[in-house]
């Protein structure tokens, strides 16, 4: 999937994703005999077929300035992949980015020729129910929203237009007694993923957003991915009093249901909101029920109660609404579970919760892993979850995979230690709480002794090789409540590692760490392509 071939139309045929979408639409109509309503979003306008890389190469000066080498680690997480796995699957072009401006309105025009000629539409089901669909528009706001505290989820900066507002007004007022459903890709209330759904009394700004609005408060992280125009009119005229009964949105990759619980402020136009988890939710009468669906294809995000430091995940899903009772349910893909290994990798990069920041330290027979309180809280399961650790050795050459050391957990106990922190021109020792997890090297069952591994490493070096180490951490489910039971704990967490030794004999100290910087998440593609047989035989970790 080398990005250097993006202009190769044989390798990257244009519009194949849209044709696939059309085939899915026909499939659902033919098989289930149900109507399908289509509303465009921002992704339909994207031009370049970017992959799922979470990093950027050194040729992108603007992005290097903004992010360093790290881009959006959530993209591989959406696909159930760790950082390293995503880069390895994508290939040596993992970090190449062609343009900051990937939104091309002409693609929307092409798509509407293919699927439907209507961007905005109204359909009435007798006098009982009216559906209103609003398209995204011909542009998006990304950098402006990010820079002003509105989040990195793009906003529909050309919605709700005056024509769209007139369509909404006509649909609502024509049949006042009919139940109204407002459908769009952009959102109306949508909390940032680091804000729990259960957060109450959070206020969104109902004022319109003009291109010149760059001050704090013009956009916020409680309506990420929202729209710019006719906001005050829509919220105050139809959503607050419940004249529009339901709104359906996507875009967020996180399911939520929201309601407006307070009148707007006189000066700031702030409206109080409340969020809830949609599954089993029944909406009270009197105000609009604002629904946001999770991802139907990729892994979806979730933060119900602040679990996993806000980086929780769920299976691909959709929302089912019973309009007679007002009850909402989540319909999940029963065959897919988010991997706990991916969540831990996500915490490592985005949340800076580093399980191996102190390293595994021992004498070659016994090792200790120190975990601080911050990681314990973010991971929810504590140190017991890291049940077994395997250190794998690869020759770095044609000899390939050599085997692994198996470390089995024997104890996990509360601990306290001190760390030196910088205080300007001075430093001080501060107490740190956490746990110490003890491991023993277990031979047999495929595992080697430390002496055997050491001998293999020396043999590799003698033959001109460069030993490569990898860690696979095998997980054990500790917590079983509703926030934890849906994860896959069987898949190990894998990444490149480094091994160092100091002292000898009784004072011998072996330290095993996750490699630092980008070396732990970007494969060495240069060596791999110079030596096609570098990876040797396929092995079962």
Protein backbone atom coordinates (compact mmCIF):
# COMPACT_ATOMS: atom_id res chain seq x y z
CA UNK A 1 0.00 0.00 0.00
CA UNK A 2 2.93 2.32 -0.73
CA UNK A 3 1.66 5.90 -0.87
CA UNK A 4 4.11 6.72 -3.66
CA UNK A 5 1.68 4.98 -6.04
CA UNK A 6 -1.35 7.15 -5.29
CA UNK A 7 -1.45 8.35 -8.89
CA UNK A 8 -1.47 4.78 -10.16
CA UNK A 9 -5.15 4.36 -11.12
CA UNK A 10 -4.74 0.58 -11.45
CA UNK A 11 -3.52 0.27 -7.89
CA UNK A 12 -5.82 2.94 -6.48
CA UNK A 13 -8.98 2.94 -8.68
CA UNK A 14 -11.06 6.05 -8.05
CA UNK A 15 -14.56 5.92 -6.53
CA UNK A 16 -14.45 2.21 -5.74
CA UNK A 17 -15.60 2.99 -2.20
CA UNK A 18 -18.68 4.83 -3.50
CA UNK A 19 -19.54 1.94 -5.84
CA UNK A 20 -19.22 -0.43 -2.90
CA UNK A 21 -21.57 1.81 -0.88
CA UNK A 22 -24.15 1.64 -3.68
CA UNK A 23 -23.90 -2.15 -3.70
CA UNK A 24 -24.53 -2.20 0.06
CA UNK A 25 -27.56 0.04 -0.31
CA UNK A 26 -29.03 -2.25 -2.97
CA UNK A 27 -28.24 -5.27 -0.79
CA UNK A 28 -30.18 -3.91 2.20
CA UNK A 29 -33.13 -2.83 0.08
CA UNK A 30 -33.34 -6.17 -1.74
CA UNK A 31 -32.72 -8.45 1.22
CA UNK A 32 -34.62 -6.67 3.99
CA UNK A 33 -37.22 -4.81 1.92
CA UNK A 34 -36.60 -1.58 3.84
CA UNK A 35 -36.16 1.95 2.51
CA UNK A 36 -32.73 3.60 2.79
CA UNK A 37 -32.33 7.34 3.33
CA UNK A 38 -29.02 8.81 2.21
CA UNK A 39 -27.38 12.00 3.55
CA UNK A 40 -23.86 13.00 2.53
CA UNK A 41 -21.04 13.77 4.97
CA UNK A 42 -17.53 15.11 4.78
CA UNK A 43 -15.76 11.85 3.92
CA UNK A 44 -17.62 11.50 0.63
CA UNK A 45 -15.73 14.58 -0.57
CA UNK A 46 -12.25 13.33 0.27
CA UNK A 47 -9.98 12.93 -2.73
CA UNK A 48 -6.86 11.00 -1.76
CA UNK A 49 -7.10 7.37 -0.61
CA UNK A 50 -5.12 7.75 2.60
CA UNK A 51 -4.64 4.69 4.73
CA UNK A 52 -4.56 4.21 8.47
CA UNK A 53 -1.08 5.40 9.38
CA UNK A 54 -0.76 7.05 12.81
CA UNK A 55 2.55 8.74 11.99
CA UNK A 56 4.04 11.24 9.55
CA UNK A 57 7.33 11.23 7.71
CA UNK A 58 9.93 13.98 7.74
CA UNK A 59 8.84 15.46 4.43
CA UNK A 60 5.76 17.18 5.86
CA UNK A 61 7.04 20.37 7.44
CA UNK A 62 3.66 21.77 8.48
CA UNK A 63 2.54 18.58 10.19
CA UNK A 64 5.98 18.05 11.75
CA UNK A 65 5.61 21.50 13.33
CA UNK A 66 2.14 20.74 14.67
CA UNK A 67 2.51 17.14 15.76
CA UNK A 68 6.11 16.01 15.54
CA UNK A 69 6.09 12.54 14.05
CA UNK A 70 2.84 11.47 15.67
CA UNK A 71 -0.48 11.97 13.91
CA UNK A 72 -3.88 10.58 14.88
CA UNK A 73 -3.31 7.35 16.83
CA UNK A 74 -7.07 6.85 16.90
CA UNK A 75 -7.14 5.93 13.20
CA UNK A 76 -5.44 2.52 13.61
CA UNK A 77 -7.46 2.01 16.80
CA UNK A 78 -10.63 2.42 14.70
CA UNK A 79 -9.42 -0.56 12.68
CA UNK A 80 -8.51 -2.72 15.67
CA UNK A 81 -4.75 -2.28 15.16
CA UNK A 82 -1.87 -1.15 17.34
CA UNK A 83 0.46 1.58 16.11
CA UNK A 84 3.13 -0.91 15.07
CA UNK A 85 0.65 -3.21 13.33
CA UNK A 86 -0.84 -0.35 11.34
CA UNK A 87 2.55 0.89 10.11
CA UNK A 88 3.69 -2.66 9.29
CA UNK A 89 0.53 -3.43 7.29
CA UNK A 90 0.58 -0.12 5.47
CA UNK A 91 4.18 -0.42 4.31
CA UNK A 92 7.08 2.02 3.88
CA UNK A 93 4.76 4.84 2.79
CA UNK A 94 3.08 4.74 6.23
CA UNK A 95 3.88 8.37 6.99
CA UNK A 96 3.42 10.08 3.64
CA UNK A 97 0.77 12.77 3.41
CA UNK A 98 0.02 14.54 0.15
CA UNK A 99 -2.08 17.54 1.10
CA UNK A 100 -3.79 19.33 3.96
CA UNK A 101 -6.77 20.08 1.72
CA UNK A 102 -8.33 16.72 0.90
CA UNK A 103 -11.96 17.96 0.69
CA UNK A 104 -13.09 18.29 -2.95
CA UNK A 105 -16.73 19.32 -3.44
CA UNK A 106 -16.79 17.84 -6.97
CA UNK A 107 -16.72 14.38 -5.40
CA UNK A 108 -20.05 15.13 -3.70
CA UNK A 109 -21.53 16.05 -7.07
CA UNK A 110 -20.33 12.76 -8.57
CA UNK A 111 -21.73 10.82 -5.62
CA UNK A 112 -25.14 12.46 -5.88
CA UNK A 113 -25.29 11.54 -9.56
CA UNK A 114 -24.67 7.95 -8.52
CA UNK A 115 -26.95 7.59 -5.46
CA UNK A 116 -29.47 10.43 -5.26
CA UNK A 117 -29.87 13.87 -6.84
CA UNK A 118 -31.10 15.43 -3.57
CA UNK A 119 -28.72 16.86 -1.01
CA UNK A 120 -31.49 18.22 1.24
CA UNK A 121 -34.91 16.67 1.31
CA UNK A 122 -38.18 16.17 3.22
CA UNK A 123 -40.37 13.10 3.16
CA UNK A 124 -43.72 12.90 4.94
CA UNK A 125 -45.29 9.66 6.12
CA UNK A 126 -48.90 10.75 6.10
CA UNK A 127 -49.70 13.16 8.91
CA UNK A 128 -47.87 11.05 11.52
CA UNK A 129 -44.16 11.53 10.80
CA UNK A 130 -41.89 13.83 8.79
CA UNK A 131 -38.22 13.15 8.00
CA UNK A 132 -35.89 16.07 7.16
CA UNK A 133 -32.46 15.40 5.64
CA UNK A 134 -29.71 18.07 5.56
CA UNK A 135 -26.52 17.59 3.53
CA UNK A 136 -23.04 18.49 4.72
CA UNK A 137 -22.24 21.31 2.29
CA UNK A 138 -19.32 22.09 -0.01
CA UNK A 139 -16.55 22.62 2.54
CA UNK A 140 -15.39 21.70 6.05
CA UNK A 141 -13.61 23.45 8.90
CA UNK A 142 -10.77 21.52 10.49
CA UNK A 143 -7.83 23.76 11.43
CA UNK A 144 -10.03 26.61 12.71
CA UNK A 145 -11.99 24.34 15.00
CA UNK A 146 -8.87 22.67 16.34
CA UNK A 147 -7.14 25.98 17.00
CA UNK A 148 -10.08 27.53 18.86
CA UNK A 149 -10.94 24.70 21.26
CA UNK A 150 -13.67 23.11 19.15
CA UNK A 151 -11.91 19.79 18.66
CA UNK A 152 -10.31 18.20 15.61
CA UNK A 153 -13.54 16.62 14.33
CA UNK A 154 -14.32 18.71 11.20
CA UNK A 155 -17.30 21.08 11.34
CA UNK A 156 -19.86 21.71 8.59
CA UNK A 157 -19.02 25.35 7.95
CA UNK A 158 -21.60 25.62 5.13
CA UNK A 159 -24.60 24.29 7.07
CA UNK A 160 -27.29 25.05 8.09
CA UNK A 161 -27.69 27.44 5.12
CA UNK A 162 -30.62 29.81 4.72
CA UNK A 163 -32.11 27.43 2.15
CA UNK A 164 -31.77 24.50 4.54
CA UNK A 165 -33.30 26.54 7.35
CA UNK A 166 -36.25 27.44 5.12
CA UNK A 167 -36.69 23.73 4.31
CA UNK A 168 -36.73 22.89 8.03
CA UNK A 169 -39.23 25.66 8.79
CA UNK A 170 -41.58 24.56 6.04
CA UNK A 171 -41.42 20.90 7.10
CA UNK A 172 -42.09 21.66 10.77
CA UNK A 173 -44.84 24.20 10.29
CA UNK A 174 -46.69 22.40 7.49
CA UNK A 175 -47.81 19.55 9.76
CA UNK A 176 -47.32 20.77 13.36
CA UNK A 177 -48.78 17.59 14.87
CA UNK A 178 -46.52 15.20 12.94
CA UNK A 179 -43.48 13.73 14.67
CA UNK A 180 -40.31 15.32 13.22
CA UNK A 181 -36.98 13.53 12.64
CA UNK A 182 -34.00 15.68 11.57
CA UNK A 183 -31.20 13.70 9.89
CA UNK A 184 -27.65 14.89 9.14
CA UNK A 185 -24.04 13.74 9.30
CA UNK A 186 -22.98 16.77 11.38
CA UNK A 187 -23.93 16.88 15.05
CA UNK A 188 -26.00 19.12 17.35
CA UNK A 189 -24.57 18.06 20.70
CA UNK A 190 -21.56 15.75 20.78
CA UNK A 191 -19.13 15.56 23.69
CA UNK A 192 -15.40 15.18 23.04
CA UNK A 193 -14.23 11.64 23.76
CA UNK A 194 -12.41 12.71 26.93
CA UNK A 195 -15.74 13.93 28.40
CA UNK A 196 -17.90 11.17 29.95
CA UNK A 197 -21.43 10.84 28.62
CA UNK A 198 -22.73 11.13 32.18
CA UNK A 199 -21.41 14.68 32.49
CA UNK A 200 -24.38 16.90 33.31
CA UNK A 201 -25.00 20.65 33.08
CA UNK A 202 -22.52 21.12 30.25
CA UNK A 203 -23.21 24.13 28.05
CA UNK A 204 -22.88 24.51 24.30
CA UNK A 205 -22.71 27.79 22.41
CA UNK A 206 -25.87 28.30 20.33
CA UNK A 207 -24.61 31.37 18.46
CA UNK A 208 -23.75 31.21 14.78
CA UNK A 209 -20.07 30.79 13.88
CA UNK A 210 -18.74 33.16 11.23
CA UNK A 211 -15.35 32.82 9.49
CA UNK A 212 -13.98 35.61 11.66
CA UNK A 213 -14.93 33.98 14.95
CA UNK A 214 -11.62 32.80 16.38
CA UNK A 215 -12.01 33.63 20.05
CA UNK A 216 -12.58 31.18 22.89
CA UNK A 217 -16.22 30.20 23.29
CA UNK A 218 -17.12 30.42 19.61
CA UNK A 219 -16.61 26.66 19.39
CA UNK A 220 -16.31 24.18 22.23
CA UNK A 221 -15.71 20.49 22.89
CA UNK A 222 -19.34 19.73 23.73
CA UNK A 223 -20.62 20.01 20.15
CA UNK A 224 -17.67 18.61 18.21
CA UNK A 225 -18.42 18.14 14.52
CA UNK A 226 -21.37 20.56 14.57
CA UNK A 227 -22.48 23.23 12.07
CA UNK A 228 -22.00 27.01 11.73
CA UNK A 229 -25.12 28.82 10.52
CA UNK A 230 -28.67 29.40 11.81
CA UNK A 231 -27.72 27.77 15.10
CA UNK A 232 -29.65 30.13 17.37
CA UNK A 233 -32.80 29.78 15.26
CA UNK A 234 -32.66 25.98 15.13
CA UNK A 235 -31.83 25.37 18.79
CA UNK A 236 -34.20 27.93 20.29
CA UNK A 237 -37.11 27.64 17.86
CA UNK A 238 -37.33 23.88 17.34
CA UNK A 239 -34.92 21.83 19.48
CA UNK A 240 -35.37 23.38 22.93
CA UNK A 241 -39.19 23.31 22.84
CA UNK A 242 -39.23 19.84 21.26
CA UNK A 243 -40.96 20.82 18.01
CA UNK A 244 -38.34 18.61 16.34
CA UNK A 245 -38.58 15.36 18.28
CA UNK A 246 -35.45 13.50 17.20
CA UNK A 247 -32.14 14.32 15.50
CA UNK A 248 -29.93 11.61 14.03
CA UNK A 249 -26.22 12.26 13.45
CA UNK A 250 -23.09 10.25 12.67
CA UNK A 251 -19.59 11.67 12.26
CA UNK A 252 -18.45 11.23 15.87
CA UNK A 253 -17.50 7.50 15.87
CA UNK A 254 -18.99 7.49 19.38
CA UNK A 255 -22.60 6.69 20.31
CA UNK A 256 -24.44 9.10 22.58
CA UNK A 257 -27.88 10.50 23.31
CA UNK A 258 -28.24 14.10 24.45
CA UNK A 259 -30.96 16.48 25.52
CA UNK A 260 -31.17 20.22 26.09
CA UNK A 261 -32.03 20.88 29.72
CA UNK A 262 -31.86 24.65 30.12
CA UNK A 263 -32.74 27.92 28.42
CA UNK A 264 -29.96 29.82 26.62
CA UNK A 265 -28.05 32.52 28.48
CA UNK A 266 -29.03 36.11 27.71
CA UNK A 267 -25.54 37.23 26.63
CA UNK A 268 -23.52 34.14 25.79
CA UNK A 269 -26.26 32.02 24.20
CA UNK A 270 -25.06 29.00 26.16
CA UNK A 271 -27.56 26.12 26.39
CA UNK A 272 -27.29 23.50 29.14
CA UNK A 273 -27.09 19.90 27.93
CA UNK A 274 -26.99 16.41 29.37
CA UNK A 275 -25.60 13.21 27.85
CA UNK A 276 -26.52 9.55 28.37
CA UNK A 277 -25.55 6.14 27.07
CA UNK A 278 -28.07 5.20 24.34
CA UNK A 279 -28.55 1.47 25.00
CA UNK A 280 -31.87 1.00 26.81
CA UNK A 281 -32.42 4.76 27.05
CA UNK A 282 -35.98 6.15 27.05
CA UNK A 283 -36.31 9.82 26.24
CA UNK A 284 -38.56 12.07 28.37
CA UNK A 285 -41.12 14.24 26.62
CA UNK A 286 -40.72 17.96 26.20
CA UNK A 287 -37.43 18.44 24.38
CA UNK A 288 -35.62 17.01 21.36
CA UNK A 289 -33.81 13.68 21.65
CA UNK A 290 -30.41 14.26 20.01
CA UNK A 291 -28.97 10.93 18.84
CA UNK A 292 -25.39 10.34 17.67
CA UNK A 293 -24.56 6.90 16.25
CA UNK A 294 -21.27 5.08 16.70
CA UNK A 295 -19.26 3.61 13.84
CA UNK A 296 -21.03 1.02 11.73
CA UNK A 297 -17.86 -0.38 10.15
CA UNK A 298 -14.77 0.40 12.26
CA UNK A 299 -14.36 -0.02 16.00
CA UNK A 300 -16.32 2.73 17.77
CA UNK A 301 -15.14 4.97 20.63
CA UNK A 302 -16.82 5.28 24.00
CA UNK A 303 -16.44 7.01 27.36
CA UNK A 304 -19.48 6.33 29.54
CA UNK A 305 -18.19 7.08 33.03
CA UNK A 306 -14.58 8.18 32.53
CA UNK A 307 -13.33 4.60 32.12
CA UNK A 308 -9.94 3.95 30.52
CA UNK A 309 -9.04 7.65 30.77
CA UNK A 310 -11.61 8.35 28.05
CA UNK A 311 -10.09 5.99 25.46
CA UNK A 312 -12.64 3.16 25.68
CA UNK A 313 -13.85 1.24 22.62
CA UNK A 314 -16.85 -0.83 21.54
CA UNK A 315 -17.81 -3.10 18.64
CA UNK A 316 -19.14 -1.65 15.35
CA UNK A 317 -22.75 -0.68 15.88
CA UNK A 318 -25.86 1.25 14.94
CA UNK A 319 -28.84 2.73 16.79
CA UNK A 320 -32.41 1.44 16.80
CA UNK A 321 -35.21 3.82 17.80
CA UNK A 322 -38.79 2.88 18.68
CA UNK A 323 -40.59 6.18 18.12
CA UNK A 324 -43.79 4.96 19.80
CA UNK A 325 -42.10 4.36 23.16
CA UNK A 326 -39.11 6.68 22.73
CA UNK A 327 -36.74 3.80 23.56
CA UNK A 328 -33.28 3.61 22.01
CA UNK A 329 -31.08 0.52 21.70
CA UNK A 330 -27.63 -0.15 20.33
CA UNK A 331 -27.38 -2.90 17.71
CA UNK A 332 -23.85 -4.33 17.77
CA UNK A 333 -21.79 -6.52 15.48
CA UNK A 334 -21.85 -9.75 17.49
CA UNK A 335 -18.73 -11.15 15.78
CA UNK A 336 -16.35 -8.30 16.62
CA UNK A 337 -14.77 -7.33 19.92
CA UNK A 338 -12.32 -4.45 20.46
CA UNK A 339 -8.87 -5.67 21.48
CA UNK A 340 -7.64 -4.71 24.93
CA UNK A 341 -4.10 -4.73 23.47
CA UNK A 342 -5.08 -1.90 21.12
CA UNK A 343 -6.60 0.07 23.98
CA UNK A 344 -3.40 -0.28 26.02
CA UNK A 345 -1.35 0.85 23.02
CA UNK A 346 -3.72 3.81 22.61
CA UNK A 347 -3.23 4.71 26.28
CA UNK A 348 0.53 4.47 25.80
CA UNK A 349 0.61 7.01 22.97
CA UNK A 350 -2.32 9.36 23.40
CA UNK A 351 -2.81 9.21 27.16
CA UNK A 352 0.87 8.89 28.09
CA UNK A 353 0.00 6.01 30.44
CA UNK A 354 3.14 3.94 30.04
CA UNK A 355 3.01 0.41 31.37
CA UNK A 356 6.74 -0.18 30.79
CA UNK A 357 8.22 3.22 31.56
CA UNK A 358 10.33 1.71 34.39
CA UNK A 359 11.18 -1.45 32.46
CA UNK A 360 11.29 -5.08 33.51
CA UNK A 361 14.30 -5.46 35.81
CA UNK A 362 15.79 -8.67 37.12
CA UNK A 363 18.70 -11.12 37.20
CA UNK A 364 17.70 -13.34 34.28
CA UNK A 365 15.62 -15.67 36.46
CA UNK A 366 13.24 -13.26 38.20
CA UNK A 367 11.97 -9.89 37.04
CA UNK A 368 9.97 -7.04 38.52
CA UNK A 369 7.67 -4.65 36.65
CA UNK A 370 6.76 -1.40 38.41
CA UNK A 371 3.43 0.24 37.53
CA UNK A 372 2.49 3.67 38.84
CA UNK A 373 -0.93 4.70 40.12
CA UNK A 374 -1.72 6.68 36.99
CA UNK A 375 -1.39 3.65 34.73
CA UNK A 376 -3.33 1.47 37.16
CA UNK A 377 -6.25 3.90 37.14
CA UNK A 378 -6.28 4.28 33.35
CA UNK A 379 -6.05 0.54 32.63
CA UNK A 380 -8.86 -0.27 35.12
CA UNK A 381 -7.65 -3.86 35.67
CA UNK A 382 -4.46 -3.24 37.66
CA UNK A 383 -1.17 -5.09 37.36
CA UNK A 384 -2.79 -8.54 37.47
CA UNK A 385 -3.98 -8.03 33.88
CA UNK A 386 -0.38 -8.33 32.56
CA UNK A 387 -0.44 -12.06 33.21
CA UNK A 388 2.43 -13.35 31.10
CA UNK A 389 5.23 -11.60 29.21
CA UNK A 390 7.30 -13.16 26.43
CA UNK A 391 10.60 -11.77 25.17
CA UNK A 392 11.15 -12.88 21.56
CA UNK A 393 14.51 -13.00 19.77
CA UNK A 394 14.93 -12.56 16.01
CA UNK A 395 18.29 -12.88 14.26
CA UNK A 396 17.85 -9.72 12.22
CA UNK A 397 18.86 -11.86 9.24
CA UNK A 398 18.13 -15.03 7.32
CA UNK A 399 18.27 -17.24 10.41
CA UNK A 400 14.97 -15.66 11.41
CA UNK A 401 13.07 -16.30 14.59
CA UNK A 402 15.03 -17.95 17.43
CA UNK A 403 12.50 -18.37 20.26
CA UNK A 404 11.32 -16.65 23.41
CA UNK A 405 11.72 -16.30 27.16
CA UNK A 406 8.46 -16.87 29.07
CA UNK A 407 7.86 -14.73 32.17
CA UNK A 408 4.93 -15.85 34.33
CA UNK A 409 3.42 -13.55 36.94
CA UNK A 410 3.91 -14.76 40.53
CA UNK A 411 2.84 -11.77 42.68
CA UNK A 412 1.37 -8.28 42.47
CA UNK A 413 1.66 -6.09 45.57
CA UNK A 414 1.11 -2.44 46.46
CA UNK A 415 4.30 -0.40 46.58
CA UNK A 416 5.65 3.12 47.06
CA UNK A 417 8.87 4.69 45.83
CA UNK A 418 10.33 8.12 45.12
CA UNK A 419 11.11 9.88 41.86
CA UNK A 420 13.12 13.01 41.19
CA UNK A 421 11.16 15.77 39.47
CA UNK A 422 12.33 19.11 38.10
CA UNK A 423 11.13 22.29 39.83
CA UNK A 424 12.53 25.01 37.62
CA UNK A 425 16.21 25.40 38.52
CA UNK A 426 15.89 22.82 41.31
CA UNK A 427 14.73 19.25 41.70
CA UNK A 428 13.06 17.29 44.46
CA UNK A 429 12.17 13.73 45.39
CA UNK A 430 8.42 13.03 45.41
CA UNK A 431 6.59 9.89 46.57
CA UNK A 432 4.93 7.69 43.92
CA UNK A 433 2.37 4.96 44.65
CA UNK A 434 1.68 1.91 42.53
CA UNK A 435 2.31 -1.84 42.44
CA UNK A 436 5.26 -4.12 41.90
CA UNK A 437 4.48 -7.12 39.67
CA UNK A 438 6.82 -10.09 40.08
CA UNK A 439 7.64 -12.55 37.28
CA UNK A 440 9.67 -15.76 37.02
CA UNK A 441 11.27 -17.23 33.90
CA UNK A 442 9.35 -20.44 33.08
CA UNK A 443 11.15 -22.89 30.81
CA UNK A 444 9.40 -25.50 28.71
CA UNK A 445 6.11 -25.10 26.86
CA UNK A 446 8.11 -23.46 24.09
CA UNK A 447 10.01 -21.12 26.40
CA UNK A 448 13.83 -20.95 26.57
CA UNK A 449 16.07 -20.26 29.55
CA UNK A 450 17.85 -16.91 29.78
CA UNK A 451 21.16 -18.71 29.23
CA UNK A 452 19.87 -20.30 26.01
CA UNK A 453 18.61 -16.96 24.75
CA UNK A 454 21.93 -15.32 25.64
CA UNK A 455 23.83 -17.98 23.72
CA UNK A 456 21.59 -17.53 20.68
CA UNK A 457 22.20 -13.77 20.79
CA UNK A 458 26.00 -14.26 20.91
CA UNK A 459 25.81 -16.66 17.97
CA UNK A 460 23.86 -14.11 15.94
CA UNK A 461 26.46 -11.42 16.63
CA UNK A 462 29.36 -13.76 15.76
CA UNK A 463 27.70 -14.45 12.39
CA UNK A 464 27.40 -10.73 11.64
CA UNK A 465 23.72 -10.37 12.56
CA UNK A 466 21.96 -7.72 14.58
CA UNK A 467 19.64 -9.24 17.22
CA UNK A 468 16.08 -7.93 17.32
CA UNK A 469 13.89 -8.22 20.43
CA UNK A 470 10.10 -8.08 20.69
CA UNK A 471 7.76 -8.25 23.66
CA UNK A 472 4.32 -9.86 23.63
CA UNK A 473 2.25 -9.18 26.75
CA UNK A 474 -0.49 -11.76 27.30
CA UNK A 475 -3.49 -10.39 29.14
CA UNK A 476 -5.88 -11.68 31.76
CA UNK A 477 -9.35 -10.22 32.31
CA UNK A 478 -9.72 -9.08 35.92
CA UNK A 479 -12.79 -6.84 35.86
CA UNK A 480 -16.03 -8.24 34.39
CA UNK A 481 -18.56 -5.40 34.66
CA UNK A 482 -20.44 -3.68 31.84
CA UNK A 483 -17.49 -1.42 31.05
CA UNK A 484 -15.05 -4.31 30.57
CA UNK A 485 -16.76 -7.53 29.48
CA UNK A 486 -16.95 -6.73 25.75
CA UNK A 487 -13.17 -6.60 25.13
CA UNK A 488 -10.97 -9.28 23.57
CA UNK A 489 -8.27 -10.20 26.11
CA UNK A 490 -6.87 -13.15 24.13
CA UNK A 491 -4.88 -11.09 21.63
CA UNK A 492 -1.42 -10.17 23.05
CA UNK A 493 0.06 -6.68 23.04
CA UNK A 494 3.23 -6.75 20.89
CA UNK A 495 6.00 -4.24 20.13
CA UNK A 496 9.82 -3.98 19.65
CA UNK A 497 11.93 -4.06 22.80
CA UNK A 498 15.49 -3.43 23.96
CA UNK A 499 17.57 -5.49 26.39
CA UNK A 500 20.52 -4.20 28.40
CA UNK A 501 22.74 -5.83 31.03
CA UNK A 502 24.99 -4.41 33.74
CA UNK A 503 27.15 -5.97 36.42
CA UNK A 504 27.86 -9.68 36.68
CA UNK A 505 27.27 -12.56 39.06
CA UNK A 506 25.08 -11.83 42.08
CA UNK A 507 24.80 -8.13 41.11
CA UNK A 508 23.68 -8.86 37.56
CA UNK A 509 20.92 -6.52 36.36
CA UNK A 510 18.96 -7.20 33.17
CA UNK A 511 16.59 -4.45 31.99
CA UNK A 512 13.93 -5.05 29.32
CA UNK A 513 12.15 -1.99 27.94
CA UNK A 514 9.84 -1.00 25.17
CA UNK A 515 11.96 0.81 22.61
CA UNK A 516 11.76 4.57 22.92
CA UNK A 517 10.57 7.22 20.45
CA UNK A 518 9.34 6.06 17.07
CA UNK A 519 11.38 2.86 17.19
CA UNK A 520 8.64 1.03 19.08
CA UNK A 521 5.90 1.69 16.54
CA UNK A 522 7.59 1.97 13.14
CA UNK A 523 9.14 -1.16 11.58
CA UNK A 524 12.61 -0.90 10.06
CA UNK A 525 11.38 -1.02 6.47
CA UNK A 526 14.81 -0.22 5.04
CA UNK A 527 16.33 -3.40 6.45
CA UNK A 528 13.26 -5.46 5.58
CA UNK A 529 13.32 -4.45 1.91
CA UNK A 530 17.11 -4.82 1.66
CA UNK A 531 16.75 -8.34 3.07
CA UNK A 532 13.50 -9.88 1.77
CA UNK A 533 13.97 -13.02 3.91
CA UNK A 534 14.62 -11.01 7.07
CA UNK A 535 11.45 -12.13 8.80
CA UNK A 536 12.26 -15.80 8.34
CA UNK A 537 9.53 -18.36 8.85
CA UNK A 538 6.10 -17.44 10.13
CA UNK A 539 5.82 -18.26 13.81
CA UNK A 540 3.11 -18.39 16.43
CA UNK A 541 3.71 -15.87 19.17
